[in-house]
């Protein structure tokens, strides 16, 4: 009985650790983007804080420069092509998630490796 409680507690701690780690990674990925967005509305001739005023100047520069618009169009086409292949992979991932949700022991086994060295080794 005590072993079962320890196992449940360990799984809870592992789940919280994964959520915390995920939140930190997302914050460090998104925070720089969120810091840059207000700079795109700066009326100054270079990007700096504090903002010198509000302007859409940099957006006008973007649409006037053919190199930027060509690169943006290429990126959109590439993203579209990349997503054409995704549905097959997405179906496998969804099925895998359903299987783990239906079988809690499988999910618990998948969390066991979190605190151990040799993370990439499979059993």
Protein backbone atom coordinates (compact mmCIF):
# COMPACT_ATOMS: atom_id res chain seq x y z
CA UNK A 1 0.00 0.00 0.00
CA UNK A 2 2.83 2.40 0.93
CA UNK A 3 4.63 1.49 -2.28
CA UNK A 4 1.51 2.35 -4.28
CA UNK A 5 1.28 5.76 -2.56
CA UNK A 6 4.96 6.47 -3.26
CA UNK A 7 4.44 5.54 -6.90
CA UNK A 8 1.45 7.89 -7.23
CA UNK A 9 3.36 10.68 -5.49
CA UNK A 10 6.35 10.17 -7.79
CA UNK A 11 4.10 10.32 -10.83
CA UNK A 12 2.50 13.54 -9.58
CA UNK A 13 5.89 15.13 -9.02
CA UNK A 14 7.06 14.00 -12.46
CA UNK A 15 3.92 15.45 -14.06
CA UNK A 16 4.39 18.78 -12.30
CA UNK A 17 8.07 18.84 -13.28
CA UNK A 18 7.18 18.26 -16.92
CA UNK A 19 4.55 21.03 -16.84
CA UNK A 20 6.94 23.47 -15.16
CA UNK A 21 9.75 22.64 -17.58
CA UNK A 22 7.39 23.05 -20.56
CA UNK A 23 6.15 26.41 -19.26
CA UNK A 24 9.71 27.69 -18.79
CA UNK A 25 10.80 26.59 -22.25
CA UNK A 26 7.75 28.21 -23.85
CA UNK A 27 8.34 31.41 -21.89
CA UNK A 28 11.97 31.65 -23.01
CA UNK A 29 10.94 31.01 -26.61
CA UNK A 30 8.02 33.45 -26.68
CA UNK A 31 9.31 36.30 -24.47
CA UNK A 32 11.83 37.66 -27.02
CA UNK A 33 9.15 37.72 -29.71
CA UNK A 34 6.80 39.59 -27.42
CA UNK A 35 9.56 42.10 -26.65
CA UNK A 36 10.19 42.78 -30.36
CA UNK A 37 6.56 43.28 -31.46
CA UNK A 38 6.16 46.76 -29.86
CA UNK A 39 9.43 47.84 -31.52
CA UNK A 40 7.87 47.30 -34.94
CA UNK A 41 5.59 50.27 -34.24
CA UNK A 42 8.47 52.62 -33.29
CA UNK A 43 8.67 55.84 -35.31
CA UNK A 44 12.44 56.14 -34.81
CA UNK A 45 15.03 55.22 -37.41
CA UNK A 46 16.24 52.25 -35.35
CA UNK A 47 14.71 49.85 -32.85
CA UNK A 48 15.16 50.98 -29.27
CA UNK A 49 13.30 51.33 -26.01
CA UNK A 50 11.71 53.66 -24.99
CA UNK A 51 9.62 54.02 -28.10
CA UNK A 52 9.94 57.41 -29.80
CA UNK A 53 6.36 57.38 -31.11
CA UNK A 54 3.82 55.28 -32.97
CA UNK A 55 4.30 54.57 -36.66
CA UNK A 56 3.62 51.91 -39.28
CA UNK A 57 6.83 52.82 -41.08
CA UNK A 58 8.49 49.42 -40.79
CA UNK A 59 5.42 47.67 -42.20
CA UNK A 60 5.48 50.03 -45.17
CA UNK A 61 9.18 49.23 -45.69
CA UNK A 62 8.36 45.54 -45.61
CA UNK A 63 5.71 45.77 -48.33
CA UNK A 64 7.78 48.13 -50.51
CA UNK A 65 10.86 45.92 -50.52
CA UNK A 66 10.47 43.06 -53.00
CA UNK A 67 13.08 40.89 -51.29
CA UNK A 68 11.03 40.75 -48.09
CA UNK A 69 7.74 40.06 -49.82
CA UNK A 70 9.30 37.36 -52.02
CA UNK A 71 10.83 35.68 -48.98
CA UNK A 72 7.51 35.89 -47.12
CA UNK A 73 5.62 34.33 -50.04
CA UNK A 74 8.21 31.55 -50.28
CA UNK A 75 7.83 30.87 -46.54
CA UNK A 76 4.06 30.61 -46.88
CA UNK A 77 4.38 28.17 -49.80
CA UNK A 78 6.92 26.09 -47.90
CA UNK A 79 4.68 25.99 -44.82
CA UNK A 80 1.78 24.84 -46.98
CA UNK A 81 3.86 22.05 -48.52
CA UNK A 82 5.15 20.96 -45.12
CA UNK A 83 1.62 20.69 -43.77
CA UNK A 84 0.42 18.52 -46.65
CA UNK A 85 2.46 15.61 -45.25
CA UNK A 86 1.44 16.17 -41.62
CA UNK A 87 -2.01 14.54 -41.36
CA UNK A 88 -0.59 11.01 -41.51
CA UNK A 89 1.88 11.73 -38.69
CA UNK A 90 -0.76 13.56 -36.69
CA UNK A 91 -3.06 10.53 -36.85
CA UNK A 92 -0.36 8.31 -35.41
CA UNK A 93 0.33 10.75 -32.58
CA UNK A 94 -3.37 11.04 -31.77
CA UNK A 95 -3.78 7.28 -31.68
CA UNK A 96 -0.74 6.97 -29.43
CA UNK A 97 -2.21 9.54 -27.03
CA UNK A 98 -5.55 7.72 -26.97
CA UNK A 99 -3.82 4.45 -26.17
CA UNK A 100 -1.92 6.04 -23.28
CA UNK A 101 -5.10 7.65 -21.94
CA UNK A 102 -6.99 4.35 -22.12
CA UNK A 103 -4.20 2.47 -20.31
CA UNK A 104 -2.93 4.45 -17.28
CA UNK A 105 -0.19 1.88 -16.60
CA UNK A 106 1.36 2.61 -19.98
CA UNK A 107 1.32 6.29 -19.15
CA UNK A 108 2.96 5.64 -15.80
CA UNK A 109 5.65 3.55 -17.50
CA UNK A 110 6.31 6.37 -19.94
CA UNK A 111 6.93 8.79 -17.03
CA UNK A 112 9.29 6.46 -15.16
CA UNK A 113 12.38 7.52 -17.10
CA UNK A 114 12.14 11.21 -16.13
CA UNK A 115 14.39 11.03 -13.10
CA UNK A 116 16.86 8.51 -14.42
CA UNK A 117 20.06 8.85 -16.43
CA UNK A 118 20.02 7.33 -19.88
CA UNK A 119 16.84 9.18 -20.82
CA UNK A 120 16.95 8.14 -24.47
CA UNK A 121 17.25 4.42 -23.76
CA UNK A 122 14.08 2.47 -24.38
CA UNK A 123 13.00 -0.75 -22.75
